[in-house]
N, C-alpha and C. Protein backbone atom coordinates (compact mmCIF):
# COMPACT_ATOMS: atom_id res chain seq x y z
N VAL A 1 8.06 -22.34 17.21
CA VAL A 1 7.36 -21.28 17.82
C VAL A 1 7.18 -21.58 19.31
N ILE A 2 6.80 -22.73 19.67
CA ILE A 2 6.65 -23.08 21.16
C ILE A 2 7.92 -22.93 21.89
N ARG A 3 9.00 -23.48 21.26
CA ARG A 3 10.26 -23.41 21.82
C ARG A 3 10.72 -21.94 22.02
N SER A 4 10.43 -21.11 21.15
CA SER A 4 10.89 -19.72 21.28
C SER A 4 10.06 -19.13 22.43
N PHE A 5 8.77 -19.33 22.43
CA PHE A 5 7.90 -18.71 23.51
C PHE A 5 8.10 -19.29 24.90
N GLN A 6 8.92 -20.39 25.01
CA GLN A 6 9.33 -20.88 26.28
C GLN A 6 10.39 -20.03 26.92
N GLN A 7 10.97 -19.19 26.20
CA GLN A 7 11.99 -18.25 26.68
C GLN A 7 11.24 -17.02 27.13
N PRO A 8 11.28 -16.70 28.35
CA PRO A 8 10.51 -15.51 28.89
C PRO A 8 10.80 -14.20 28.17
N LEU A 9 12.03 -13.99 27.81
CA LEU A 9 12.39 -12.76 27.27
C LEU A 9 11.71 -12.57 25.82
N ILE A 10 11.70 -13.59 25.02
CA ILE A 10 11.12 -13.60 23.74
C ILE A 10 9.58 -13.49 23.88
N ALA A 11 9.01 -14.18 24.81
CA ALA A 11 7.60 -14.21 25.02
C ALA A 11 7.18 -12.73 25.52
N GLY A 12 8.00 -12.16 26.40
CA GLY A 12 7.76 -10.83 26.90
C GLY A 12 7.79 -9.72 25.83
N VAL A 13 8.76 -9.79 25.03
CA VAL A 13 8.91 -8.90 23.89
C VAL A 13 7.73 -9.00 22.89
N TYR A 14 7.28 -10.20 22.72
CA TYR A 14 6.11 -10.50 21.81
C TYR A 14 4.84 -9.83 22.48
N VAL A 15 4.68 -10.01 23.76
CA VAL A 15 3.50 -9.52 24.38
C VAL A 15 3.54 -7.96 24.39
N VAL A 16 4.69 -7.44 24.59
CA VAL A 16 4.89 -5.89 24.53
C VAL A 16 4.56 -5.33 23.11
N ALA A 17 5.01 -6.14 22.10
CA ALA A 17 4.66 -5.82 20.70
C ALA A 17 3.16 -5.88 20.46
N THR A 18 2.47 -6.75 21.10
CA THR A 18 1.07 -6.90 20.84
C THR A 18 0.35 -5.72 21.56
N VAL A 19 0.90 -5.24 22.67
CA VAL A 19 0.33 -3.98 23.25
C VAL A 19 0.49 -2.85 22.33
N CYS A 20 1.67 -2.76 21.71
CA CYS A 20 1.89 -1.63 20.67
C CYS A 20 0.85 -1.80 19.58
N LEU A 21 0.55 -3.11 19.19
CA LEU A 21 -0.39 -3.30 18.10
C LEU A 21 -1.77 -2.94 18.56
N TYR A 22 -2.04 -3.00 19.81
CA TYR A 22 -3.40 -2.53 20.30
C TYR A 22 -3.63 -1.05 19.96
N PHE A 23 -2.59 -0.20 20.31
CA PHE A 23 -2.70 1.24 20.07
C PHE A 23 -2.85 1.46 18.52
N HIS A 24 -2.07 0.76 17.79
CA HIS A 24 -2.05 0.95 16.33
C HIS A 24 -3.42 0.59 15.80
N LEU A 25 -4.01 -0.54 16.22
CA LEU A 25 -5.32 -0.94 15.69
C LEU A 25 -6.36 0.03 16.11
N PHE A 26 -6.27 0.48 17.31
CA PHE A 26 -7.30 1.50 17.92
C PHE A 26 -7.27 2.78 16.99
N HIS A 27 -6.13 3.15 16.79
CA HIS A 27 -5.98 4.48 15.97
C HIS A 27 -6.45 4.22 14.58
N GLY A 28 -6.15 3.04 14.06
CA GLY A 28 -6.62 2.75 12.67
C GLY A 28 -8.14 2.68 12.53
N VAL A 29 -8.80 2.06 13.51
CA VAL A 29 -10.29 2.04 13.51
C VAL A 29 -10.85 3.35 13.57
N VAL A 30 -10.38 4.22 14.46
CA VAL A 30 -10.92 5.63 14.65
C VAL A 30 -10.58 6.34 13.35
N SER A 31 -9.47 6.24 12.74
CA SER A 31 -9.08 6.88 11.50
C SER A 31 -10.01 6.43 10.32
N LEU A 32 -10.28 5.16 10.40
CA LEU A 32 -11.14 4.55 9.26
C LEU A 32 -12.52 5.15 9.23
N PHE A 33 -13.10 5.33 10.50
CA PHE A 33 -14.43 6.00 10.57
C PHE A 33 -14.40 7.49 10.16
N GLN A 34 -13.26 8.08 10.64
CA GLN A 34 -13.02 9.54 10.22
C GLN A 34 -12.97 9.70 8.72
N THR A 35 -12.23 8.76 8.11
CA THR A 35 -12.10 8.79 6.62
C THR A 35 -13.49 8.59 5.93
N LEU A 36 -14.29 7.79 6.52
CA LEU A 36 -15.54 7.42 5.94
C LEU A 36 -16.66 8.52 6.33
N GLY A 37 -16.20 9.56 7.06
CA GLY A 37 -17.09 10.64 7.32
C GLY A 37 -17.86 10.53 8.68
N VAL A 38 -17.59 9.52 9.46
CA VAL A 38 -18.28 9.33 10.77
C VAL A 38 -17.33 9.97 11.87
N SER A 39 -17.19 11.28 11.79
CA SER A 39 -16.32 11.89 12.64
C SER A 39 -17.06 13.02 13.58
N HIS A 40 -18.35 12.89 13.53
CA HIS A 40 -19.19 13.87 14.35
C HIS A 40 -18.90 13.52 15.79
N PRO A 41 -18.82 14.58 16.68
CA PRO A 41 -18.61 14.30 18.09
C PRO A 41 -19.72 13.44 18.72
N ARG A 42 -20.95 13.38 18.09
CA ARG A 42 -21.97 12.58 18.60
C ARG A 42 -21.66 11.17 18.42
N HIS A 43 -20.89 10.72 17.43
CA HIS A 43 -20.49 9.33 17.17
C HIS A 43 -19.16 8.96 17.76
N LEU A 44 -18.39 9.87 18.13
CA LEU A 44 -16.99 9.60 18.56
C LEU A 44 -16.90 8.50 19.65
N GLN A 45 -17.78 8.67 20.70
CA GLN A 45 -17.67 7.80 21.80
C GLN A 45 -17.97 6.31 21.29
N ALA A 46 -18.96 6.17 20.51
CA ALA A 46 -19.24 4.76 20.04
C ALA A 46 -18.15 4.18 19.15
N VAL A 47 -17.57 5.03 18.33
CA VAL A 47 -16.41 4.67 17.47
C VAL A 47 -15.33 4.32 18.30
N GLU A 48 -14.95 5.11 19.29
CA GLU A 48 -13.82 4.64 20.22
C GLU A 48 -14.12 3.48 20.99
N LYS A 49 -15.26 3.26 21.49
CA LYS A 49 -15.58 2.00 22.16
C LYS A 49 -15.43 0.82 21.19
N PHE A 50 -15.95 0.92 20.00
CA PHE A 50 -15.66 -0.16 19.03
C PHE A 50 -14.13 -0.40 18.75
N GLY A 51 -13.44 0.73 18.59
CA GLY A 51 -11.99 0.60 18.36
C GLY A 51 -11.34 -0.10 19.56
N HIS A 52 -11.67 0.25 20.73
CA HIS A 52 -11.03 -0.37 21.87
C HIS A 52 -11.42 -1.87 21.94
N ALA A 53 -12.69 -2.21 21.70
CA ALA A 53 -13.14 -3.54 21.79
C ALA A 53 -12.47 -4.51 20.67
N LEU A 54 -12.44 -3.99 19.46
CA LEU A 54 -11.87 -4.72 18.33
C LEU A 54 -10.44 -4.97 18.62
N ALA A 55 -9.68 -3.86 18.99
CA ALA A 55 -8.24 -4.00 19.27
C ALA A 55 -7.95 -4.93 20.38
N ALA A 56 -8.78 -4.86 21.40
CA ALA A 56 -8.58 -5.79 22.59
C ALA A 56 -8.77 -7.28 22.21
N ILE A 57 -9.86 -7.47 21.47
CA ILE A 57 -10.10 -8.87 21.03
C ILE A 57 -8.83 -9.45 20.28
N ILE A 58 -8.33 -8.70 19.31
CA ILE A 58 -7.28 -9.16 18.55
C ILE A 58 -6.00 -9.34 19.35
N VAL A 59 -5.70 -8.37 20.21
CA VAL A 59 -4.42 -8.36 21.01
C VAL A 59 -4.53 -9.49 22.03
N ILE A 60 -5.76 -9.72 22.63
CA ILE A 60 -5.78 -10.81 23.59
C ILE A 60 -5.59 -12.17 22.87
N GLY A 61 -6.15 -12.25 21.68
CA GLY A 61 -5.93 -13.51 20.94
C GLY A 61 -4.46 -13.78 20.59
N PHE A 62 -3.76 -12.80 20.21
CA PHE A 62 -2.36 -12.89 19.87
C PHE A 62 -1.53 -13.09 21.06
N ALA A 63 -1.78 -12.42 22.14
CA ALA A 63 -0.96 -12.46 23.38
C ALA A 63 -1.19 -13.72 24.12
N SER A 64 -2.36 -14.42 23.88
CA SER A 64 -2.70 -15.63 24.60
C SER A 64 -1.72 -16.71 24.26
N VAL A 65 -1.14 -16.71 23.02
CA VAL A 65 -0.26 -17.78 22.60
C VAL A 65 0.95 -17.83 23.48
N PRO A 66 1.76 -16.82 23.55
CA PRO A 66 3.04 -16.92 24.35
C PRO A 66 2.70 -17.08 25.89
N ILE A 67 1.67 -16.44 26.34
CA ILE A 67 1.29 -16.59 27.70
C ILE A 67 0.91 -18.00 28.00
N GLY A 68 0.17 -18.63 27.10
CA GLY A 68 -0.23 -20.01 27.22
C GLY A 68 0.97 -20.98 27.23
N VAL A 69 1.93 -20.70 26.39
CA VAL A 69 3.16 -21.55 26.34
C VAL A 69 3.92 -21.34 27.64
N LEU A 70 4.03 -20.10 28.15
CA LEU A 70 4.78 -19.83 29.44
C LEU A 70 4.14 -20.55 30.59
N LEU A 71 2.74 -20.61 30.58
CA LEU A 71 1.98 -21.18 31.71
C LEU A 71 1.97 -22.72 31.53
N GLY A 72 2.39 -23.25 30.41
CA GLY A 72 2.37 -24.70 30.26
C GLY A 72 1.05 -25.24 29.71
N VAL A 73 0.20 -24.33 29.27
CA VAL A 73 -1.15 -24.81 28.77
C VAL A 73 -0.88 -25.35 27.32
N VAL A 74 0.01 -24.65 26.58
CA VAL A 74 0.38 -25.15 25.21
C VAL A 74 1.69 -25.81 25.24
N LYS A 75 1.75 -27.04 24.68
CA LYS A 75 2.97 -27.76 24.76
C LYS A 75 3.49 -28.08 23.40
C-alpha cells in the first residue's frame, strides 16, 4: 500500500475517490434521517450539519493515509 501511494497519480486518484465518498456519505446520512421520518424543514439544517461533519471526519481519515505517504510522514 505504501509503495502504491508513493506514486502521485495513484495517491491523487485515491484522494479524488475519497472526495466522491464525501458526497455519497453526506447524501446517505440525509436520506437515512428522511427515511426515519426526520425530514421536517425545522430539522433539516441540523441533519445536514451532522451529515457534513460525519462525512468530513471519515474522508479526512481515509485521505490522510496517501497524503501522509506522499509527505513522507508514513514510511
